[in-house]
Structures are given as structure tokens and as C-alpha cells.
Amino acid sequence: MARIVLTAALIVSLSILVGCQADSGKSQIVPAQIRSAPIVEMSVASETDIVEQLTTNRRAYHQSLELLVEHYLKTGDNMKLEWAKKELAALASMPQYNYIIEAGPVGADLRPTTSIPEADYMYWEATQLEKKARRLVVVVDDDVLRLALNKYNELIKKHPSSDKIDDAAFKAAGIYEHFKDYTISLLYYQRSYQWDPKTIYPARYKAAYILDKHLHRRAEALKLYQEALERDAKFGEWREFAEERIRELTKSEQD
């Protein structure tokens, strides 16, 4: 008798659990063909125009989902509330890229000639964020590091004549290198010594190293190592490494 009662209780419990399962919402997922349909004709727009439109659309999309969550909370529509929350969570976890690389469009001919208090403060803010991100030896806070990177880029964009742009470019290059975005990192190291040919940083050595070890553009790396030895003799810690790589790369070319 006890066994029958227990079995009946289990059946009832399972029935309740099955009945309480949330609707999957799979039938309501928008088909890919509709999702990809163009809304605005932008065939003649520039990259900047398209990226600005993308940024606006991202914000509007996020805000709309947040409004839906609030609406379904108020109306008690739990099924649609779960759908909206799931879509919002997916949006938050999706990588969103900055497609405009700040040191690219501004070119190589800037000169850091002017002391600008606002730029100096922005540079200080960026360095403080970078220190905060790297305060633990083993673990780096990548999100805070990105905030520092954004601040360096904001400085370059807003104050292109500031005497801090070459410093900001070198610091930004190091962050890009941390994220293994080597092509962008190379560009920023190059901008650092292009903007200030007498830079206090080992930017030529660092650019040559990335060309050599990460991008495998060895012929370019060899020339830049040689240029660095001629122009940046003060960086003794890099000289020995560069001299060794020049010997190895020259031998490789001869073989």
C-alpha cells in the first residue's frame, strides 16, 4: 500500500514539473532571412557613417529590450519576460567591436608640439586606469584596460597637437599587444615614433619585434631593427636582442 502511495506521489510530482516548464519560445524566433533584411540604404555611406549608425542601432536595440523587460514585469507576462531577458543577456554577451582605429585615420604626420592641460589630464586618467587594471601581477582586468585604451584614443582624437599623443600611442600599442591585436599594435608603435622621431620610448624596437615574432614580416623587421640601432642607441636593454636578431635574419636571407 505504501509503495502504491509513493508511486502515485511521484507521478503527480512529475506531472507538476512537466506542466511548470517554461515555453521555449523557439516558434517565435525571427527567421534569419528577415533578421538580415536591410532597413536603411547606405550603399554610398563612408565607413564612419556606417559605424556611427551601427553604434546608434546597438544602443536603440539594447534600450528597446530593457523597455520590454520593464513592460512584461508590469503586465505579469512571464513567458515573454523570459524571452526578453534571454535576448538581453545574449546581446550583453555578444562582442561589439570598435571598427574605427583612431591612429589610422589621423595619419603619420602629426607633431606633438603643444602642452594642453586637458590632454595632460586625460593622459593621467588613462595611466591611472591602466595601473588599476594591472595592479595584480598575474591577473589583468581587461575591461578596465579597455577603458584606459579608450581614454588614450580619445586624447589622440580630441587633441592631435598635444605633446602627449606619442606617449598615448605607445601606451595604447602595449594594450593592443596585450590583447594580441598585433596589426593594430604595430600601427600604434609606428605612430609613436613617426609623431616624435626622438621618442623616449623603444617604439622602433617594439614595432620591429611585432613584425618579426608575431606578423612574420621578417624583411621589414630586419630594416627596422637596423634603424632602431642607428637612431635609438639609448635603449641598451633592447640593443643586444636587436643585434642578435639582425645576425640571425641576415644569415637566414643569405641561406
Protein backbone atom coordinates (compact mmCIF):
# COMPACT_ATOMS: atom_id res chain seq x y z
CA MET A 1 0.00 0.00 0.00
CA ALA A 2 2.83 2.39 0.95
CA ARG A 3 4.57 1.60 -2.36
CA ILE A 4 1.39 2.45 -4.32
CA VAL A 5 1.00 5.75 -2.48
CA LEU A 6 4.69 6.64 -3.11
CA THR A 7 4.39 5.79 -6.81
CA ALA A 8 1.27 7.91 -7.13
CA ALA A 9 3.00 10.81 -5.40
CA LEU A 10 5.95 10.59 -7.80
CA ILE A 11 3.63 10.59 -10.82
CA VAL A 12 1.83 13.66 -9.52
CA SER A 13 5.15 15.43 -8.83
CA LEU A 14 6.46 14.67 -12.32
CA SER A 15 3.22 15.92 -13.84
CA ILE A 16 3.54 19.19 -11.95
CA LEU A 17 7.20 19.61 -13.01
CA VAL A 18 6.39 18.95 -16.66
CA GLY A 19 3.46 21.33 -16.51
CA CYS A 20 5.66 24.07 -14.98
CA GLN A 21 8.29 24.01 -17.73
CA ALA A 22 8.64 27.41 -19.39
CA ASP A 23 7.68 27.85 -23.01
CA SER A 24 10.81 27.62 -25.15
CA GLY A 25 9.81 30.48 -27.45
CA LYS A 26 11.52 28.70 -30.35
CA SER A 27 8.48 29.11 -32.60
CA GLN A 28 8.74 32.89 -32.14
CA ILE A 29 12.42 33.28 -33.08
CA VAL A 30 12.66 35.64 -36.06
CA PRO A 31 13.91 33.78 -39.18
CA ALA A 32 17.43 34.68 -40.31
CA GLN A 33 16.16 35.88 -43.70
CA ILE A 34 14.01 38.51 -42.04
CA ARG A 35 16.66 39.49 -39.48
CA SER A 36 19.16 40.26 -42.23
CA ALA A 37 16.78 42.35 -44.35
CA PRO A 38 18.17 45.88 -44.96
CA ILE A 39 16.38 48.72 -43.18
CA VAL A 40 18.28 51.75 -44.46
CA GLU A 41 20.04 52.15 -47.82
CA MET A 42 23.68 53.08 -47.03
CA SER A 43 25.48 52.00 -50.18
CA VAL A 44 27.21 55.38 -50.62
CA ALA A 45 27.98 55.94 -46.93
CA SER A 46 31.53 56.12 -45.59
CA GLU A 47 32.92 53.73 -43.01
CA THR A 48 32.49 56.38 -40.32
CA ASP A 49 28.84 56.90 -41.27
CA ILE A 50 28.12 53.17 -41.16
CA VAL A 51 29.89 52.68 -37.81
CA GLU A 52 28.06 55.65 -36.28
CA GLN A 53 24.75 54.20 -37.49
CA LEU A 54 25.75 50.81 -36.04
CA THR A 55 26.53 52.40 -32.67
CA THR A 56 23.15 54.14 -32.64
CA ASN A 57 21.36 50.92 -33.57
CA ARG A 58 23.16 48.97 -30.85
CA ARG A 59 22.05 51.46 -28.20
CA ALA A 60 18.48 51.52 -29.50
CA TYR A 61 18.32 47.71 -29.59
CA HIS A 62 19.60 47.43 -26.00
CA GLN A 63 17.22 50.12 -24.77
CA SER A 64 14.25 48.52 -26.51
CA LEU A 65 14.92 45.17 -24.85
CA GLU A 66 15.22 46.85 -21.45
CA LEU A 67 11.87 48.57 -22.03
CA LEU A 68 10.29 45.23 -22.98
CA VAL A 69 11.60 43.66 -19.76
CA GLU A 70 10.07 46.51 -17.73
CA HIS A 71 6.78 46.24 -19.64
CA TYR A 72 6.42 42.48 -19.12
CA LEU A 73 7.32 42.85 -15.44
CA LYS A 74 4.46 45.32 -15.04
CA THR A 75 1.94 43.29 -17.04
CA GLY A 76 2.95 39.95 -15.49
CA ASP A 77 3.55 38.26 -18.85
CA ASN A 78 6.16 35.82 -17.58
CA MET A 79 6.53 33.92 -20.85
CA LYS A 80 7.52 37.00 -22.88
CA LEU A 81 9.51 38.35 -19.92
CA GLU A 82 11.79 35.30 -20.10
CA TRP A 83 12.21 35.74 -23.84
CA ALA A 84 13.20 39.39 -23.47
CA LYS A 85 15.60 38.63 -20.62
CA LYS A 86 17.23 35.86 -22.65
CA GLU A 87 17.67 38.11 -25.68
CA LEU A 88 19.06 40.92 -23.49
CA ALA A 89 21.55 38.54 -21.87
CA ALA A 90 22.65 37.27 -25.28
CA LEU A 91 23.14 40.83 -26.50
CA ALA A 92 25.26 41.66 -23.45
CA SER A 93 27.50 38.63 -24.03
CA MET A 94 27.99 39.35 -27.74
CA PRO A 95 31.34 41.03 -28.61
CA GLN A 96 30.96 44.54 -30.02
CA TYR A 97 33.95 45.97 -31.87
CA ASN A 98 35.28 49.48 -32.36
CA TYR A 99 35.74 49.41 -36.13
CA ILE A 100 37.41 52.83 -36.32
CA ILE A 101 41.11 52.55 -35.40
CA GLU A 102 42.00 56.02 -34.14
CA ALA A 103 45.69 56.10 -35.07
CA GLY A 104 44.93 55.07 -38.64
CA PRO A 105 42.78 57.91 -39.99
CA VAL A 106 44.81 60.70 -38.35
CA GLY A 107 47.92 59.75 -40.33
CA ALA A 108 51.65 59.75 -39.63
CA ASP A 109 52.32 63.49 -39.97
CA LEU A 110 51.06 64.76 -36.59
CA ARG A 111 53.55 66.53 -34.33
CA PRO A 112 53.26 66.58 -30.52
CA THR A 113 54.14 70.24 -30.05
CA THR A 114 51.60 71.79 -27.69
CA SER A 115 51.12 71.45 -23.95
CA ILE A 116 47.36 71.15 -23.44
CA PRO A 117 46.14 70.86 -19.82
CA GLU A 118 43.02 68.88 -20.74
CA ALA A 119 45.11 66.40 -22.76
CA ASP A 120 47.58 66.11 -19.89
CA TYR A 121 44.74 65.26 -17.53
CA MET A 122 43.27 62.73 -19.95
CA TYR A 123 46.67 61.07 -20.20
CA TRP A 124 46.92 60.94 -16.40
CA GLU A 125 43.43 59.42 -16.19
CA ALA A 126 44.36 56.78 -18.75
CA THR A 127 47.57 55.84 -16.93
CA GLN A 128 45.69 55.53 -13.65
CA LEU A 129 43.16 53.21 -15.27
CA GLU A 130 45.96 51.15 -16.74
CA LYS A 131 47.67 50.87 -13.35
CA LYS A 132 44.38 49.82 -11.79
CA ALA A 133 43.89 47.15 -14.46
CA ARG A 134 47.39 45.78 -13.94
CA ARG A 135 47.58 46.08 -10.15
CA LEU A 136 47.59 42.29 -9.78
CA VAL A 137 50.72 40.70 -11.18
CA VAL A 138 49.06 37.58 -12.57
CA VAL A 139 45.51 38.74 -13.38
CA VAL A 140 44.74 41.75 -15.57
CA ASP A 141 41.32 43.40 -15.55
CA ASP A 142 40.67 43.52 -19.29
CA ASP A 143 37.56 45.69 -19.02
CA VAL A 144 39.40 48.41 -17.09
CA LEU A 145 42.29 48.09 -19.55
CA ARG A 146 39.85 48.78 -22.39
CA LEU A 147 38.68 51.91 -20.54
CA ALA A 148 42.31 53.07 -20.44
CA LEU A 149 42.67 52.30 -24.13
CA ASN A 150 39.55 54.33 -24.94
CA LYS A 151 40.95 57.26 -22.97
CA TYR A 152 44.29 57.15 -24.84
CA ASN A 153 42.41 57.08 -28.14
CA GLU A 154 40.11 59.90 -27.06
CA LEU A 155 43.17 62.02 -26.29
CA ILE A 156 44.67 61.37 -29.74
CA LYS A 157 41.40 62.16 -31.50
CA LYS A 158 40.48 65.25 -29.49
CA HIS A 159 43.95 66.83 -29.13
CA PRO A 160 46.06 65.82 -32.16
CA SER A 161 48.63 68.56 -31.47
CA SER A 162 49.13 67.62 -27.80
CA ASP A 163 52.63 66.72 -26.66
CA LYS A 164 51.08 63.58 -25.15
CA ILE A 165 49.90 61.92 -28.39
CA ASP A 166 53.13 59.97 -28.91
CA ASP A 167 53.03 58.82 -25.27
CA ALA A 168 49.38 57.82 -25.65
CA ALA A 169 50.14 55.93 -28.88
CA PHE A 170 52.94 53.95 -27.22
CA LYS A 171 50.80 53.09 -24.20
CA ALA A 172 47.86 52.12 -26.42
CA ALA A 173 50.16 49.92 -28.51
CA GLY A 174 51.10 47.99 -25.39
CA ILE A 175 47.44 47.38 -24.59
CA TYR A 176 46.70 46.20 -28.12
CA GLU A 177 49.71 43.90 -27.81
CA HIS A 178 48.26 42.53 -24.56
CA PHE A 179 45.05 41.69 -26.42
CA LYS A 180 47.10 40.08 -29.23
CA ASP A 181 45.81 42.57 -31.80
CA TYR A 182 49.26 42.70 -33.31
CA THR A 183 48.47 44.54 -36.55
CA ILE A 184 46.86 47.40 -34.62
CA SER A 185 49.62 47.35 -32.01
CA LEU A 186 52.22 47.70 -34.78
CA LEU A 187 50.39 50.72 -36.19
CA TYR A 188 50.39 52.47 -32.81
CA TYR A 189 54.08 51.77 -32.15
CA GLN A 190 54.81 53.19 -35.60
CA ARG A 191 52.71 56.27 -34.91
CA SER A 192 54.62 56.84 -31.67
CA TYR A 193 58.00 57.22 -33.41
CA GLN A 194 56.52 58.81 -36.55
CA TRP A 195 54.90 61.55 -34.49
CA ASP A 196 58.03 62.02 -32.39
CA PRO A 197 61.17 60.74 -34.17
CA LYS A 198 63.14 61.35 -30.96
CA THR A 199 60.68 59.47 -28.77
CA ILE A 200 61.74 58.47 -25.27
CA TYR A 201 60.17 55.05 -25.81
CA PRO A 202 61.63 51.96 -27.55
CA ALA A 203 58.84 52.16 -30.13
CA ARG A 204 61.00 51.17 -33.12
CA TYR A 205 62.30 48.09 -31.30
CA LYS A 206 58.79 47.11 -30.26
CA ALA A 207 57.44 47.57 -33.78
CA ALA A 208 60.31 45.51 -35.20
CA TYR A 209 59.67 42.79 -32.63
CA ILE A 210 55.99 42.53 -33.62
CA LEU A 211 56.89 42.43 -37.31
CA ASP A 212 59.45 39.73 -36.54
CA LYS A 213 57.82 37.47 -33.97
CA HIS A 214 54.09 37.90 -34.47
CA LEU A 215 53.44 39.02 -38.05
CA HIS A 216 56.44 37.17 -39.54
CA ARG A 217 57.28 40.06 -41.87
CA ARG A 218 60.97 39.43 -41.36
CA ALA A 219 62.37 41.65 -44.14
CA GLU A 220 60.56 44.68 -42.70
CA ALA A 221 61.62 43.69 -39.19
CA LEU A 222 65.28 43.50 -40.23
CA LYS A 223 65.24 47.04 -41.65
CA LEU A 224 63.51 48.39 -38.57
CA TYR A 225 65.91 46.66 -36.17
CA GLN A 226 68.77 48.27 -38.09
CA GLU A 227 67.08 51.68 -37.98
CA ALA A 228 66.44 51.31 -34.26
CA LEU A 229 70.11 50.57 -33.59
CA GLU A 230 71.11 53.69 -35.51
CA ARG A 231 68.56 56.05 -34.00
CA ASP A 232 67.78 54.65 -30.54
CA ALA A 233 71.13 53.81 -29.02
CA LYS A 234 69.88 54.79 -25.56
CA PHE A 235 67.81 51.63 -25.16
CA GLY A 236 70.62 49.34 -24.06
CA GLU A 237 68.30 46.55 -22.92
CA TRP A 238 66.99 46.23 -26.47
CA ARG A 239 70.30 46.60 -28.34
CA GLU A 240 71.65 43.15 -27.60
CA PHE A 241 68.43 41.46 -28.65
CA ALA A 242 68.20 43.52 -31.85
CA GLU A 243 71.82 42.81 -32.78
CA GLU A 244 71.26 39.08 -32.34
CA ARG A 245 68.09 39.13 -34.43
CA ILE A 246 69.85 41.12 -37.17
CA ARG A 247 72.58 38.44 -37.33
CA GLU A 248 70.00 35.65 -37.46
CA LEU A 249 67.78 37.32 -40.02
CA THR A 250 70.74 38.30 -42.22
CA LYS A 251 72.05 34.74 -42.13
CA SER A 252 68.59 33.44 -42.99
CA GLU A 253 68.43 35.73 -46.02
CA GLN A 254 71.86 34.56 -47.22
CA ASP A 255 70.89 30.90 -46.82
